[in-house]
Amino acid sequence: MPFMYELKVAASEPSYTFVQRLVSVGSLVGTGEAVCTVTDGAMDFHVPAPRQGLVVEWFVEHGAVIEDGDSLARIVCEGTEVEVQAVEPVRLG
């Protein structure tokens, strides 16, 4: 049975700024695949998908400030519903 989860950031920094979507609504993403880019002002980071699924909605636009626990996107997954944890952004480079 499909279920939805919201992609959330577990931010160790006070906040990030949303830079770019790397996948469009309607795109299938794999577990660990980078779905967007954020910055802390000094470095850029990718935000990975914690589970495979289909991106059905984005909640943020370029320049939006993202705090700990903010939702970035909604993703639909196959299988039994499970709790999906917020993800830590991964530094680029």
C-alpha atoms as a PDB file:
ATOM      1  CA  MET A   1       0.000   0.000   0.000  1.00  0.00           C
ATOM      2  CA  PRO A   2       1.467   3.405  -0.907  1.00  0.00           C
ATOM      3  CA  PHE A   3       2.079   6.020   1.764  1.00  0.00           C
ATOM      4  CA  MET A   4       3.293   9.623   1.758  1.00  0.00           C
ATOM      5  CA  TYR A   5       6.043  11.235   3.758  1.00  0.00           C
ATOM      6  CA  GLU A   6       7.387  14.765   3.930  1.00  0.00           C
ATOM      7  CA  LEU A   7      11.091  15.257   3.256  1.00  0.00           C
ATOM      8  CA  LYS A   8      12.435  17.178   6.270  1.00  0.00           C
ATOM      9  CA  VAL A   9      15.862  18.535   7.141  1.00  0.00           C
ATOM     10  CA  ALA A  10      17.530  17.720  10.462  1.00  0.00           C
ATOM     11  CA  ALA A  11      19.637  20.845  10.584  1.00  0.00           C
ATOM     12  CA  SER A  12      22.724  21.051  12.761  1.00  0.00           C
ATOM     13  CA  GLU A  13      23.191  24.623  11.550  1.00  0.00           C
ATOM     14  CA  PRO A  14      20.754  27.316  12.737  1.00  0.00           C
ATOM     15  CA  SER A  15      19.256  27.448   9.221  1.00  0.00           C
ATOM     16  CA  TYR A  16      19.874  26.761   5.551  1.00  0.00           C
ATOM     17  CA  THR A  17      18.751  28.630   2.449  1.00  0.00           C
ATOM     18  CA  PHE A  18      17.083  26.646  -0.325  1.00  0.00           C
ATOM     19  CA  VAL A  19      19.061  26.937  -3.567  1.00  0.00           C
ATOM     20  CA  GLN A  20      17.811  24.491  -6.195  1.00  0.00           C
ATOM     21  CA  ARG A  21      15.504  21.548  -6.903  1.00  0.00           C
ATOM     22  CA  LEU A  22      17.406  18.694  -8.536  1.00  0.00           C
ATOM     23  CA  VAL A  23      14.279  16.679  -9.362  1.00  0.00           C
ATOM     24  CA  SER A  24      10.866  17.750 -10.655  1.00  0.00           C
ATOM     25  CA  VAL A  25       7.408  16.846  -9.421  1.00  0.00           C
ATOM     26  CA  GLY A  26       6.576  13.488 -10.987  1.00  0.00           C
ATOM     27  CA  SER A  27      10.168  12.202 -10.775  1.00  0.00           C
ATOM     28  CA  LEU A  28      11.092   8.924  -9.118  1.00  0.00           C
ATOM     29  CA  VAL A  29      13.949   9.265  -6.609  1.00  0.00           C
ATOM     30  CA  GLY A  30      16.076   6.505  -5.125  1.00  0.00           C
ATOM     31  CA  THR A  31      17.100   6.102  -1.511  1.00  0.00           C
ATOM     32  CA  GLY A  32      20.043   8.424  -0.883  1.00  0.00           C
ATOM     33  CA  GLU A  33      19.609  10.318  -4.162  1.00  0.00           C
ATOM     34  CA  ALA A  34      20.142  14.086  -3.935  1.00  0.00           C
ATOM     35  CA  VAL A  35      16.830  15.865  -4.459  1.00  0.00           C
ATOM     36  CA  CYS A  36      17.829  19.483  -3.821  1.00  0.00           C
ATOM     37  CA  THR A  37      20.650  21.829  -2.869  1.00  0.00           C
ATOM     38  CA  VAL A  38      20.772  24.089   0.206  1.00  0.00           C
ATOM     39  CA  THR A  39      23.436  26.448   1.554  1.00  0.00           C
ATOM     40  CA  ASP A  40      24.486  27.702   4.967  1.00  0.00           C
ATOM     41  CA  GLY A  41      26.047  30.791   3.387  1.00  0.00           C
ATOM     42  CA  ALA A  42      29.564  29.347   3.373  1.00  0.00           C
ATOM     43  CA  MET A  43      29.069  25.899   1.814  1.00  0.00           C
ATOM     44  CA  ASP A  44      26.520  24.100  -0.354  1.00  0.00           C
ATOM     45  CA  PHE A  45      24.867  20.810   0.603  1.00  0.00           C
ATOM     46  CA  HIS A  46      22.726  18.159  -1.099  1.00  0.00           C
ATOM     47  CA  VAL A  47      19.629  16.864   0.667  1.00  0.00           C
ATOM     48  CA  PRO A  48      19.247  13.095   0.059  1.00  0.00           C
ATOM     49  CA  ALA A  49      15.935  11.225  -0.160  1.00  0.00           C
ATOM     50  CA  PRO A  50      15.687   8.932   2.884  1.00  0.00           C
ATOM     51  CA  ARG A  51      13.461   6.466   0.961  1.00  0.00           C
ATOM     52  CA  GLN A  52      12.695   5.693  -2.664  1.00  0.00           C
ATOM     53  CA  GLY A  53       9.520   7.277  -3.981  1.00  0.00           C
ATOM     54  CA  LEU A  54       7.766   9.650  -6.339  1.00  0.00           C
ATOM     55  CA  VAL A  55       8.055  13.413  -5.706  1.00  0.00           C
ATOM     56  CA  VAL A  56       4.490  14.775  -5.754  1.00  0.00           C
ATOM     57  CA  GLU A  57       4.892  18.284  -4.309  1.00  0.00           C
ATOM     58  CA  TRP A  58       7.532  20.871  -3.397  1.00  0.00           C
ATOM     59  CA  PHE A  59       6.895  23.208  -0.441  1.00  0.00           C
ATOM     60  CA  VAL A  60       9.876  25.560  -0.897  1.00  0.00           C
ATOM     61  CA  GLU A  61      11.169  27.962  -3.528  1.00  0.00           C
ATOM     62  CA  HIS A  62      14.635  29.364  -4.249  1.00  0.00           C
ATOM     63  CA  GLY A  63      15.795  31.613  -1.399  1.00  0.00           C
ATOM     64  CA  ALA A  64      13.508  30.158   1.287  1.00  0.00           C
ATOM     65  CA  VAL A  65      15.045  29.870   4.763  1.00  0.00           C
ATOM     66  CA  ILE A  66      14.882  26.308   6.111  1.00  0.00           C
ATOM     67  CA  GLU A  67      14.917  25.634   9.844  1.00  0.00           C
ATOM     68  CA  ASP A  68      15.339  22.301  11.644  1.00  0.00           C
ATOM     69  CA  GLY A  69      12.387  20.030  10.853  1.00  0.00           C
ATOM     70  CA  ASP A  70      10.934  22.125   8.007  1.00  0.00           C
ATOM     71  CA  SER A  71       9.284  20.142   5.207  1.00  0.00           C
ATOM     72  CA  LEU A  72      10.801  20.520   1.750  1.00  0.00           C
ATOM     73  CA  ALA A  73       8.759  18.110  -0.365  1.00  0.00           C
ATOM     74  CA  ARG A  74       6.112  15.387  -0.280  1.00  0.00           C
ATOM     75  CA  ILE A  75       7.095  11.936  -1.583  1.00  0.00           C
ATOM     76  CA  VAL A  76       4.896   8.856  -2.149  1.00  0.00           C
ATOM     77  CA  CYS A  77       6.437   5.451  -1.331  1.00  0.00           C
ATOM     78  CA  GLU A  78       5.379   1.864  -1.929  1.00  0.00           C
ATOM     79  CA  GLY A  79       5.109  -0.623   0.924  1.00  0.00           C
ATOM     80  CA  THR A  80       4.029  -0.645   4.532  1.00  0.00           C
ATOM     81  CA  GLU A  81       3.968   2.795   6.141  1.00  0.00           C
ATOM     82  CA  VAL A  82       7.000   3.489   8.317  1.00  0.00           C
ATOM     83  CA  GLU A  83       8.298   6.537  10.134  1.00  0.00           C
ATOM     84  CA  VAL A  84      10.703   8.474   7.913  1.00  0.00           C
ATOM     85  CA  GLN A  85      13.341  10.447   9.799  1.00  0.00           C
ATOM     86  CA  ALA A  86      14.532  13.938   8.853  1.00  0.00           C
ATOM     87  CA  VAL A  87      17.789  13.876   6.885  1.00  0.00           C
ATOM     88  CA  GLU A  88      21.102  15.658   7.408  1.00  0.00           C
ATOM     89  CA  PRO A  89      22.255  17.642   4.371  1.00  0.00           C
ATOM     90  CA  VAL A  90      25.489  16.283   2.832  1.00  0.00           C
ATOM     91  CA  ARG A  91      28.266  18.776   2.094  1.00  0.00           C
ATOM     92  CA  LEU A  92      29.263  19.084  -1.570  1.00  0.00           C
ATOM     93  CA  GLY A  93      32.838  18.651  -2.644  1.00  0.00           C
END
